[in-house]
Amino acid sequence: MQDAGIGIPLADQERLFDSFFRAKNVGIIPGTGLGLSIVKKCVDLHGVEIALSSEEDVGSKFTVTLPLAKLEEEQLSPATP
C-alpha cells in the first residue's frame, strides 16, 4: 500500500508499530496509535514480513512479503487423512 500523505519522520519510524505510538507530525489528525500495532501482530502471527519506506511530505509505502516457498511446499505435500 502506498500513499501521498504527510509521511513519517525517520526518528519515529522505529516505534511506528508500538501500541498507542503516534508520529510527531500528525498534528490534529485523529487516531489512537493502534492501527499499525494491530497490523504488525497479525503479520507476525502469520509468519509474514512488513516493511516501511517513508519520507516526510512525500508519503509512505508499506510492503507485505508473503512466504511463497512455504505455501508452495504445503500445496505439494500429500494430504494426510
Protein backbone atom coordinates (compact mmCIF):
# COMPACT_ATOMS: atom_id res chain seq x y z
CA MET A 1 0.00 0.00 0.00
CA GLN A 2 1.30 3.46 -0.81
CA ASP A 3 0.00 6.93 -0.09
CA ALA A 4 0.97 10.52 -0.80
CA GLY A 5 0.29 11.74 2.74
CA ILE A 6 2.37 13.55 5.34
CA GLY A 7 4.97 10.79 5.62
CA ILE A 8 6.59 9.53 8.81
CA PRO A 9 9.65 11.24 10.31
CA LEU A 10 12.71 9.00 10.27
CA ALA A 11 13.13 9.35 14.04
CA ASP A 12 9.60 7.98 14.58
CA GLN A 13 9.78 5.02 12.20
CA GLU A 14 11.46 2.71 14.72
CA ARG A 15 8.46 2.91 17.09
CA LEU A 16 5.74 3.00 14.43
CA PHE A 17 4.36 -0.45 15.26
CA ASP A 18 4.25 0.19 19.05
CA SER A 19 0.80 0.35 20.62
CA PHE A 20 -0.51 3.90 21.12
CA PHE A 21 2.51 5.47 19.38
CA ARG A 22 1.80 8.34 17.01
CA ALA A 23 4.39 10.18 14.95
CA LYS A 24 5.26 13.71 16.00
CA ASN A 25 3.97 15.26 12.77
CA VAL A 26 0.34 14.08 12.98
CA GLY A 27 -0.86 17.40 14.35
CA ILE A 28 -4.64 17.36 14.73
CA ILE A 29 -5.20 14.24 12.59
CA PRO A 30 -7.35 11.93 14.76
CA GLY A 31 -6.22 8.46 15.74
CA THR A 32 -5.34 6.17 18.63
CA GLY A 33 -2.00 4.76 17.52
CA LEU A 34 -3.38 1.22 17.49
CA GLY A 35 -3.89 0.51 13.78
CA LEU A 36 -0.33 -0.37 12.79
CA SER A 37 0.35 -2.26 16.04
CA ILE A 38 -2.65 -4.50 15.24
CA VAL A 39 -1.42 -4.98 11.67
CA LYS A 40 2.05 -5.92 12.98
CA LYS A 41 0.62 -8.51 15.38
CA CYS A 42 -1.41 -10.10 12.55
CA VAL A 43 1.60 -10.11 10.24
CA ASP A 44 3.78 -11.75 12.91
CA LEU A 45 1.17 -14.41 13.68
CA HIS A 46 1.03 -15.41 10.02
CA GLY A 47 4.80 -15.51 9.51
CA VAL A 48 4.69 -12.62 7.09
CA GLU A 49 7.04 -9.63 6.87
CA ILE A 50 6.07 -5.97 6.66
CA ALA A 51 8.44 -3.20 5.58
CA LEU A 52 8.08 0.57 5.57
CA SER A 53 9.51 3.20 3.28
CA SER A 54 8.52 6.76 4.14
CA GLU A 55 9.61 10.33 3.61
CA GLU A 56 8.07 13.38 5.25
CA ASP A 57 5.86 15.47 2.95
CA VAL A 58 6.11 12.75 0.27
CA GLY A 59 4.23 9.73 1.65
CA SER A 60 4.61 6.21 2.94
CA LYS A 61 4.77 2.76 1.39
CA PHE A 62 4.12 -0.48 3.28
CA THR A 63 5.20 -3.73 1.65
CA VAL A 64 3.96 -7.10 2.90
CA THR A 65 6.05 -10.10 1.86
CA LEU A 66 4.35 -13.49 1.89
CA PRO A 67 6.38 -16.68 2.40
CA LEU A 68 5.58 -18.20 -1.02
CA ALA A 69 8.11 -21.02 -0.72
CA LYS A 70 6.29 -22.31 2.37
CA LEU A 71 2.93 -22.04 0.63
CA GLU A 72 4.20 -23.96 -2.40
CA GLU A 73 5.69 -26.64 -0.16
CA GLU A 74 2.39 -27.12 1.69
CA GLN A 75 0.48 -27.36 -1.59
CA LEU A 76 2.85 -30.03 -2.94
CA SER A 77 2.86 -32.24 0.17
CA PRO A 78 0.38 -35.13 0.18
CA ALA A 79 -2.78 -34.67 2.19
CA THR A 80 -2.93 -36.54 5.46
CA PRO A 81 -6.12 -38.32 6.47
